């Protein structure tokens, strides 16, 4: 085959340090836009970024020249720096160390997009921990402490 083709949709999720509700309504659009712009800067086209005050969801195409770990490490580090340098919150902002990342088949991209788009409605029914545990179960991981 003379050419290489890659189209890897990634649904990434990560939380604020200690799951503190730091991404409040007053700054969420600014934070989401920053995250989207940073992903694009890394060559990862973004379908959606959304979340809750204590966690973020992103749906993007992975740049085939980068690892998922590299992309998420960069975006978490640069966004923490951005939030702190611009005094978007009164406390020091940090993300938790870990993250979850799942591949998404082309046939379910729209379903995942809608799920991410409707985070606030979804979380009226389910906590972040319930959501996290469900993702682990759906993706064949054993339950762990989050």
N, C-alpha and C. Protein backbone atom coordinates (compact mmCIF):
# COMPACT_ATOMS: atom_id res chain seq x y z
N UNK A 1 0.86 -1.17 0.00
CA UNK A 1 0.00 0.00 0.00
C UNK A 1 0.90 1.24 0.00
N UNK A 2 0.75 2.13 -0.96
CA UNK A 2 1.65 3.27 -1.08
C UNK A 2 1.41 4.40 -0.06
N UNK A 3 0.24 4.44 0.56
CA UNK A 3 -0.08 5.52 1.50
C UNK A 3 -0.54 4.94 2.83
N UNK A 4 -0.41 5.74 3.86
CA UNK A 4 -0.93 5.35 5.18
C UNK A 4 -2.15 6.20 5.50
N UNK A 5 -3.16 5.57 6.05
CA UNK A 5 -4.39 6.28 6.42
C UNK A 5 -4.69 6.02 7.88
N UNK A 6 -5.00 7.09 8.61
CA UNK A 6 -5.35 7.00 10.02
C UNK A 6 -6.56 7.87 10.28
N UNK A 7 -7.50 7.32 11.00
CA UNK A 7 -8.64 8.10 11.47
C UNK A 7 -9.08 7.48 12.78
N UNK A 8 -8.49 7.96 13.85
CA UNK A 8 -8.72 7.39 15.17
C UNK A 8 -9.43 8.41 16.06
N UNK A 9 -10.73 8.21 16.24
CA UNK A 9 -11.50 9.07 17.13
C UNK A 9 -11.20 8.67 18.57
N UNK A 10 -10.96 9.66 19.42
CA UNK A 10 -10.67 9.43 20.83
C UNK A 10 -11.67 10.20 21.68
N UNK A 11 -12.25 9.50 22.65
CA UNK A 11 -13.07 10.14 23.68
C UNK A 11 -12.23 10.14 24.94
N UNK A 12 -11.75 11.32 25.33
CA UNK A 12 -10.89 11.46 26.50
C UNK A 12 -11.65 12.15 27.63
N UNK A 13 -11.37 11.70 28.84
CA UNK A 13 -12.03 12.24 30.04
C UNK A 13 -10.97 12.41 31.12
N UNK A 14 -10.99 13.55 31.79
CA UNK A 14 -10.12 13.72 32.96
C UNK A 14 -10.79 14.68 33.93
N UNK A 15 -10.33 14.62 35.18
CA UNK A 15 -10.97 15.36 36.26
C UNK A 15 -10.02 16.40 36.84
N UNK A 16 -10.62 17.35 37.53
CA UNK A 16 -9.85 18.32 38.29
C UNK A 16 -9.24 17.62 39.51
N UNK A 17 -8.19 18.20 40.06
CA UNK A 17 -7.54 17.64 41.24
C UNK A 17 -8.57 17.48 42.36
N UNK A 18 -8.63 16.28 42.91
CA UNK A 18 -9.57 15.94 43.99
C UNK A 18 -11.03 16.16 43.58
N UNK A 19 -11.25 16.21 42.30
CA UNK A 19 -12.58 16.43 41.73
C UNK A 19 -13.27 17.68 42.29
N UNK A 20 -12.47 18.69 42.51
CA UNK A 20 -13.03 19.96 42.98
C UNK A 20 -13.78 20.63 41.82
N UNK A 21 -14.92 21.24 42.10
CA UNK A 21 -15.70 21.87 41.04
C UNK A 21 -15.13 23.24 40.64
N UNK A 22 -14.01 23.21 39.91
CA UNK A 22 -13.27 24.44 39.62
C UNK A 22 -13.62 25.09 38.28
N UNK A 23 -14.16 24.31 37.35
CA UNK A 23 -14.49 24.85 36.03
C UNK A 23 -15.96 25.29 36.07
N UNK A 24 -16.17 26.41 36.73
CA UNK A 24 -17.53 26.92 36.91
C UNK A 24 -18.05 27.57 35.63
N UNK A 25 -19.35 27.79 35.60
CA UNK A 25 -20.03 28.36 34.43
C UNK A 25 -19.36 29.64 33.94
N UNK A 26 -18.87 30.45 34.86
CA UNK A 26 -18.27 31.74 34.50
C UNK A 26 -17.01 31.60 33.64
N UNK A 27 -16.32 30.45 33.72
CA UNK A 27 -15.08 30.27 32.95
C UNK A 27 -15.13 29.08 31.99
N UNK A 28 -16.19 28.28 32.03
CA UNK A 28 -16.18 27.03 31.27
C UNK A 28 -16.02 27.24 29.76
N UNK A 29 -16.69 28.23 29.18
CA UNK A 29 -16.54 28.46 27.74
C UNK A 29 -15.11 28.81 27.37
N UNK A 30 -14.48 29.63 28.19
CA UNK A 30 -13.10 30.02 27.96
C UNK A 30 -12.17 28.81 28.08
N UNK A 31 -12.38 27.98 29.08
CA UNK A 31 -11.55 26.78 29.28
C UNK A 31 -11.78 25.79 28.15
N UNK A 32 -13.03 25.55 27.78
CA UNK A 32 -13.33 24.62 26.70
C UNK A 32 -12.72 25.09 25.38
N UNK A 33 -12.81 26.39 25.11
CA UNK A 33 -12.22 26.93 23.88
C UNK A 33 -10.70 26.75 23.90
N UNK A 34 -10.09 27.00 25.05
CA UNK A 34 -8.64 26.83 25.15
C UNK A 34 -8.26 25.37 24.86
N UNK A 35 -8.97 24.44 25.47
CA UNK A 35 -8.69 23.02 25.25
C UNK A 35 -8.85 22.66 23.78
N UNK A 36 -9.91 23.14 23.17
CA UNK A 36 -10.14 22.86 21.74
C UNK A 36 -9.01 23.44 20.90
N UNK A 37 -8.65 24.69 21.15
CA UNK A 37 -7.57 25.33 20.39
C UNK A 37 -6.25 24.58 20.56
N UNK A 38 -5.96 24.12 21.77
CA UNK A 38 -4.72 23.38 22.03
C UNK A 38 -4.70 22.04 21.30
N UNK A 39 -5.84 21.35 21.27
CA UNK A 39 -5.91 20.09 20.53
C UNK A 39 -5.66 20.34 19.04
N UNK A 40 -6.30 21.35 18.50
CA UNK A 40 -6.10 21.69 17.08
C UNK A 40 -4.64 22.04 16.82
N UNK A 41 -4.04 22.79 17.73
CA UNK A 41 -2.62 23.16 17.61
C UNK A 41 -1.73 21.91 17.54
N UNK A 42 -2.15 20.84 18.20
CA UNK A 42 -1.40 19.59 18.19
C UNK A 42 -1.75 18.70 17.00
N UNK A 43 -2.57 19.22 16.10
CA UNK A 43 -2.94 18.45 14.92
C UNK A 43 -4.04 17.44 15.18
N UNK A 44 -4.86 17.72 16.18
CA UNK A 44 -5.97 16.83 16.55
C UNK A 44 -7.29 17.56 16.33
N UNK A 45 -7.92 17.40 15.16
CA UNK A 45 -9.21 18.05 14.93
C UNK A 45 -10.22 17.65 16.00
N UNK A 46 -10.99 18.62 16.47
CA UNK A 46 -11.90 18.42 17.59
C UNK A 46 -13.35 18.42 17.12
N UNK A 47 -14.09 17.46 17.61
CA UNK A 47 -15.54 17.45 17.36
C UNK A 47 -16.26 18.21 18.46
N UNK A 48 -15.86 17.96 19.74
CA UNK A 48 -16.51 18.67 20.86
C UNK A 48 -15.65 18.58 22.11
N UNK A 49 -15.74 19.63 22.91
CA UNK A 49 -15.18 19.67 24.27
C UNK A 49 -16.32 20.16 25.16
N UNK A 50 -16.57 19.45 26.23
CA UNK A 50 -17.61 19.85 27.17
C UNK A 50 -17.36 19.14 28.49
N UNK A 51 -18.09 19.49 29.50
CA UNK A 51 -17.90 18.81 30.77
C UNK A 51 -18.71 19.42 31.88
N UNK A 52 -18.23 19.16 33.06
CA UNK A 52 -18.86 19.61 34.29
C UNK A 52 -17.80 20.38 35.08
N UNK A 53 -18.18 21.00 36.19
CA UNK A 53 -17.18 21.74 36.96
C UNK A 53 -16.00 20.90 37.45
N UNK A 54 -16.19 19.57 37.54
CA UNK A 54 -15.12 18.72 38.06
C UNK A 54 -14.48 17.78 37.04
N UNK A 55 -14.91 17.81 35.79
CA UNK A 55 -14.29 16.97 34.77
C UNK A 55 -14.61 17.44 33.36
N UNK A 56 -13.80 16.95 32.42
CA UNK A 56 -13.86 17.35 31.01
C UNK A 56 -14.00 16.11 30.13
N UNK A 57 -14.74 16.26 29.05
CA UNK A 57 -14.82 15.26 27.98
C UNK A 57 -14.37 15.93 26.69
N UNK A 58 -13.58 15.22 25.89
CA UNK A 58 -13.16 15.70 24.57
C UNK A 58 -13.36 14.57 23.57
N UNK A 59 -13.83 14.91 22.40
CA UNK A 59 -13.91 13.96 21.29
C UNK A 59 -13.10 14.56 20.15
N UNK A 60 -12.02 13.88 19.77
CA UNK A 60 -11.11 14.42 18.77
C UNK A 60 -10.48 13.31 17.95
N UNK A 61 -9.93 13.71 16.81
CA UNK A 61 -9.16 12.79 15.99
C UNK A 61 -7.70 12.86 16.43
N UNK A 62 -7.12 11.70 16.70
CA UNK A 62 -5.73 11.66 17.15
C UNK A 62 -4.78 11.92 16.00
N UNK A 63 -3.85 12.83 16.22
CA UNK A 63 -2.77 13.07 15.27
C UNK A 63 -1.95 11.78 15.19
N UNK A 64 -1.81 11.17 14.00
CA UNK A 64 -1.11 9.89 13.91
C UNK A 64 0.37 9.96 14.27
N UNK A 65 0.91 11.16 14.40
CA UNK A 65 2.32 11.30 14.77
C UNK A 65 2.51 11.44 16.27
N UNK A 66 1.40 11.39 17.04
CA UNK A 66 1.49 11.59 18.49
C UNK A 66 0.76 10.46 19.21
N UNK A 67 1.20 10.20 20.44
CA UNK A 67 0.51 9.23 21.27
C UNK A 67 -0.62 9.93 22.04
N UNK A 68 -1.58 9.15 22.47
CA UNK A 68 -2.66 9.71 23.29
C UNK A 68 -2.07 10.34 24.54
N UNK A 69 -1.16 9.64 25.18
CA UNK A 69 -0.54 10.14 26.40
C UNK A 69 0.14 11.49 26.17
N UNK A 70 0.86 11.61 25.07
CA UNK A 70 1.55 12.86 24.74
C UNK A 70 0.56 14.01 24.56
N UNK A 71 -0.51 13.76 23.84
CA UNK A 71 -1.52 14.79 23.57
C UNK A 71 -2.18 15.24 24.87
N UNK A 72 -2.61 14.28 25.68
CA UNK A 72 -3.34 14.64 26.90
C UNK A 72 -2.42 15.29 27.93
N UNK A 73 -1.20 14.80 28.04
CA UNK A 73 -0.24 15.43 28.96
C UNK A 73 -0.03 16.90 28.58
N UNK A 74 0.14 17.16 27.30
CA UNK A 74 0.35 18.53 26.81
C UNK A 74 -0.87 19.42 27.08
N UNK A 75 -2.05 18.92 26.77
CA UNK A 75 -3.25 19.75 26.91
C UNK A 75 -3.57 20.01 28.38
N UNK A 76 -3.37 19.02 29.24
CA UNK A 76 -3.62 19.23 30.66
C UNK A 76 -2.61 20.22 31.24
N UNK A 77 -1.35 20.07 30.89
CA UNK A 77 -0.33 20.97 31.41
C UNK A 77 -0.52 22.40 30.93
N UNK A 78 -0.75 22.56 29.65
CA UNK A 78 -0.88 23.92 29.12
C UNK A 78 -2.16 24.60 29.61
N UNK A 79 -3.24 23.82 29.76
CA UNK A 79 -4.49 24.43 30.23
C UNK A 79 -4.41 24.81 31.70
N UNK A 80 -3.73 24.01 32.52
CA UNK A 80 -3.52 24.39 33.93
C UNK A 80 -2.75 25.69 34.00
N UNK A 81 -1.68 25.77 33.21
CA UNK A 81 -0.87 26.98 33.18
C UNK A 81 -1.72 28.18 32.74
N UNK A 82 -2.50 28.01 31.69
CA UNK A 82 -3.36 29.08 31.17
C UNK A 82 -4.34 29.57 32.23
N UNK A 83 -5.01 28.64 32.89
CA UNK A 83 -6.00 29.01 33.91
C UNK A 83 -5.33 29.75 35.05
N UNK A 84 -4.18 29.27 35.50
CA UNK A 84 -3.47 29.92 36.60
C UNK A 84 -2.88 31.27 36.21
N UNK A 85 -2.26 31.35 35.03
CA UNK A 85 -1.65 32.61 34.59
C UNK A 85 -2.67 33.71 34.36
N UNK A 86 -3.88 33.32 33.98
CA UNK A 86 -4.93 34.30 33.71
C UNK A 86 -5.87 34.50 34.89
N UNK A 87 -5.52 33.91 36.03
CA UNK A 87 -6.32 34.06 37.26
C UNK A 87 -7.81 33.80 37.03
N UNK A 88 -8.10 32.72 36.31
CA UNK A 88 -9.50 32.40 36.03
C UNK A 88 -10.23 31.91 37.27
N UNK A 89 -9.49 31.40 38.24
CA UNK A 89 -10.07 31.03 39.53
C UNK A 89 -9.18 31.59 40.63
N UNK A 90 -9.72 31.69 41.84
CA UNK A 90 -8.95 32.30 42.93
C UNK A 90 -7.93 31.33 43.53
N UNK A 91 -8.19 30.03 43.47
CA UNK A 91 -7.25 29.02 43.98
C UNK A 91 -6.31 28.58 42.87
N UNK A 92 -5.30 27.77 43.26
CA UNK A 92 -4.43 27.18 42.25
C UNK A 92 -5.19 26.07 41.53
N UNK A 93 -5.13 26.07 40.21
CA UNK A 93 -5.84 25.07 39.41
C UNK A 93 -4.90 23.93 39.05
N UNK A 94 -5.42 22.69 39.20
CA UNK A 94 -4.68 21.50 38.78
C UNK A 94 -5.65 20.43 38.33
N UNK A 95 -5.22 19.64 37.35
CA UNK A 95 -5.97 18.46 36.95
C UNK A 95 -5.43 17.27 37.74
N UNK A 96 -6.26 16.23 37.89
CA UNK A 96 -5.77 14.98 38.46
C UNK A 96 -4.73 14.39 37.52
N UNK A 97 -3.91 13.51 38.03
CA UNK A 97 -2.82 12.91 37.25
C UNK A 97 -3.34 12.07 36.09
N UNK A 98 -4.31 11.23 36.32
CA UNK A 98 -4.75 10.28 35.31
C UNK A 98 -5.76 10.82 34.32
N UNK A 99 -6.17 9.94 33.44
CA UNK A 99 -7.19 10.24 32.44
C UNK A 99 -7.73 8.92 31.92
N UNK A 100 -8.82 8.99 31.21
CA UNK A 100 -9.36 7.84 30.50
C UNK A 100 -9.46 8.22 29.03
N UNK A 101 -9.13 7.31 28.15
CA UNK A 101 -9.24 7.56 26.71
C UNK A 101 -9.75 6.30 26.04
N UNK A 102 -10.76 6.46 25.22
CA UNK A 102 -11.40 5.35 24.54
C UNK A 102 -11.45 5.62 23.04
N UNK A 103 -11.22 4.59 22.26
CA UNK A 103 -11.39 4.73 20.82
C UNK A 103 -12.89 4.70 20.51
N UNK A 104 -13.28 5.44 19.50
CA UNK A 104 -14.69 5.53 19.12
C UNK A 104 -14.80 5.17 17.65
N UNK A 105 -15.64 4.22 17.34
CA UNK A 105 -15.81 3.84 15.93
C UNK A 105 -16.60 4.92 15.20
N UNK A 106 -16.33 5.04 13.94
CA UNK A 106 -17.00 6.06 13.10
C UNK A 106 -18.52 5.97 13.23
N UNK A 107 -19.03 4.76 13.38
CA UNK A 107 -20.49 4.57 13.45
C UNK A 107 -21.10 5.09 14.75
N UNK A 108 -20.28 5.34 15.76
CA UNK A 108 -20.83 5.84 17.04
C UNK A 108 -20.35 7.25 17.40
N UNK A 109 -19.65 7.90 16.50
CA UNK A 109 -19.17 9.26 16.77
C UNK A 109 -20.33 10.20 17.13
N UNK A 110 -21.42 10.13 16.40
CA UNK A 110 -22.55 11.03 16.67
C UNK A 110 -23.16 10.75 18.04
N UNK A 111 -23.26 9.50 18.42
CA UNK A 111 -23.81 9.14 19.73
C UNK A 111 -22.91 9.68 20.85
N UNK A 112 -21.60 9.54 20.71
CA UNK A 112 -20.66 10.06 21.71
C UNK A 112 -20.72 11.58 21.74
N UNK A 113 -20.81 12.20 20.56
CA UNK A 113 -20.94 13.65 20.49
C UNK A 113 -22.16 14.12 21.29
N UNK A 114 -23.30 13.49 21.09
CA UNK A 114 -24.52 13.87 21.80
C UNK A 114 -24.38 13.66 23.30
N UNK A 115 -23.74 12.57 23.67
CA UNK A 115 -23.50 12.29 25.08
C UNK A 115 -22.66 13.41 25.71
N UNK A 116 -21.59 13.80 25.05
CA UNK A 116 -20.72 14.86 25.58
C UNK A 116 -21.46 16.20 25.57
N UNK A 117 -22.20 16.47 24.53
CA UNK A 117 -22.94 17.72 24.42
C UNK A 117 -23.93 17.90 25.56
N UNK A 118 -24.53 16.80 26.02
CA UNK A 118 -25.58 16.84 27.03
C UNK A 118 -25.09 16.47 28.43
N UNK A 119 -23.85 16.83 28.75
CA UNK A 119 -23.28 16.48 30.05
C UNK A 119 -24.09 16.98 31.24
N UNK A 120 -24.53 18.21 31.19
CA UNK A 120 -25.25 18.76 32.35
C UNK A 120 -26.55 18.01 32.60
N UNK A 121 -27.27 17.70 31.56
CA UNK A 121 -28.51 16.93 31.71
C UNK A 121 -28.19 15.52 32.21
N UNK A 122 -27.16 14.92 31.65
CA UNK A 122 -26.76 13.56 32.05
C UNK A 122 -26.40 13.51 33.53
N UNK A 123 -25.69 14.51 34.01
CA UNK A 123 -25.22 14.49 35.40
C UNK A 123 -26.27 14.90 36.41
N UNK A 124 -27.44 15.25 35.96
CA UNK A 124 -28.54 15.41 36.91
C UNK A 124 -28.94 14.04 37.45
N UNK A 125 -28.63 12.99 36.67
CA UNK A 125 -29.02 11.62 37.04
C UNK A 125 -27.85 10.81 37.58
N UNK A 126 -26.62 11.04 37.08
CA UNK A 126 -25.46 10.22 37.43
C UNK A 126 -24.30 11.09 37.88
N UNK A 127 -23.64 10.67 38.94
CA UNK A 127 -22.45 11.37 39.41
C UNK A 127 -21.26 11.05 38.51
N UNK A 128 -20.18 11.80 38.66
CA UNK A 128 -18.97 11.51 37.90
C UNK A 128 -18.47 10.10 38.22
N UNK A 129 -18.50 9.71 39.50
CA UNK A 129 -18.01 8.38 39.88
C UNK A 129 -18.86 7.29 39.23
N UNK A 130 -20.17 7.46 39.20
CA UNK A 130 -21.05 6.48 38.54
C UNK A 130 -20.73 6.40 37.05
N UNK A 131 -20.52 7.57 36.44
CA UNK A 131 -20.17 7.62 35.03
C UNK A 131 -18.83 6.93 34.77
N UNK A 132 -17.85 7.23 35.59
CA UNK A 132 -16.51 6.66 35.45
C UNK A 132 -16.57 5.13 35.57
N UNK A 133 -17.27 4.65 36.60
CA UNK A 133 -17.40 3.20 36.80
C UNK A 133 -18.08 2.53 35.61
N UNK A 134 -19.09 3.20 35.06
CA UNK A 134 -19.79 2.65 33.89
C UNK A 134 -18.86 2.56 32.69
N UNK A 135 -18.05 3.60 32.45
CA UNK A 135 -17.09 3.57 31.34
C UNK A 135 -16.08 2.44 31.52
N UNK A 136 -15.59 2.26 32.75
CA UNK A 136 -14.65 1.16 32.99
C UNK A 136 -15.30 -0.18 32.67
N UNK A 137 -16.52 -0.36 33.13
CA UNK A 137 -17.23 -1.62 32.88
C UNK A 137 -17.50 -1.83 31.40
N UNK A 138 -17.99 -0.81 30.73
CA UNK A 138 -18.30 -0.92 29.29
C UNK A 138 -17.06 -1.24 28.46
N UNK A 139 -15.91 -0.79 28.94
CA UNK A 139 -14.68 -0.97 28.17
C UNK A 139 -13.80 -2.11 28.68
N UNK A 140 -14.38 -2.95 29.53
CA UNK A 140 -13.71 -4.17 29.95
C UNK A 140 -12.61 -4.02 30.98
N UNK A 141 -12.66 -2.94 31.78
CA UNK A 141 -11.69 -2.75 32.85
C UNK A 141 -12.32 -3.16 34.16
N UNK A 142 -11.48 -3.64 35.06
CA UNK A 142 -11.97 -3.94 36.40
C UNK A 142 -12.20 -2.63 37.14
N UNK A 143 -13.12 -2.66 38.10
CA UNK A 143 -13.39 -1.46 38.89
C UNK A 143 -12.15 -1.11 39.70
N UNK A 144 -11.81 0.19 39.73
CA UNK A 144 -10.65 0.68 40.46
C UNK A 144 -11.03 1.89 41.26
N UNK A 145 -10.18 2.23 42.19
CA UNK A 145 -10.36 3.50 42.88
C UNK A 145 -10.03 4.60 41.92
N UNK A 146 -10.86 5.62 41.85
CA UNK A 146 -10.63 6.71 40.90
C UNK A 146 -9.86 7.83 41.55
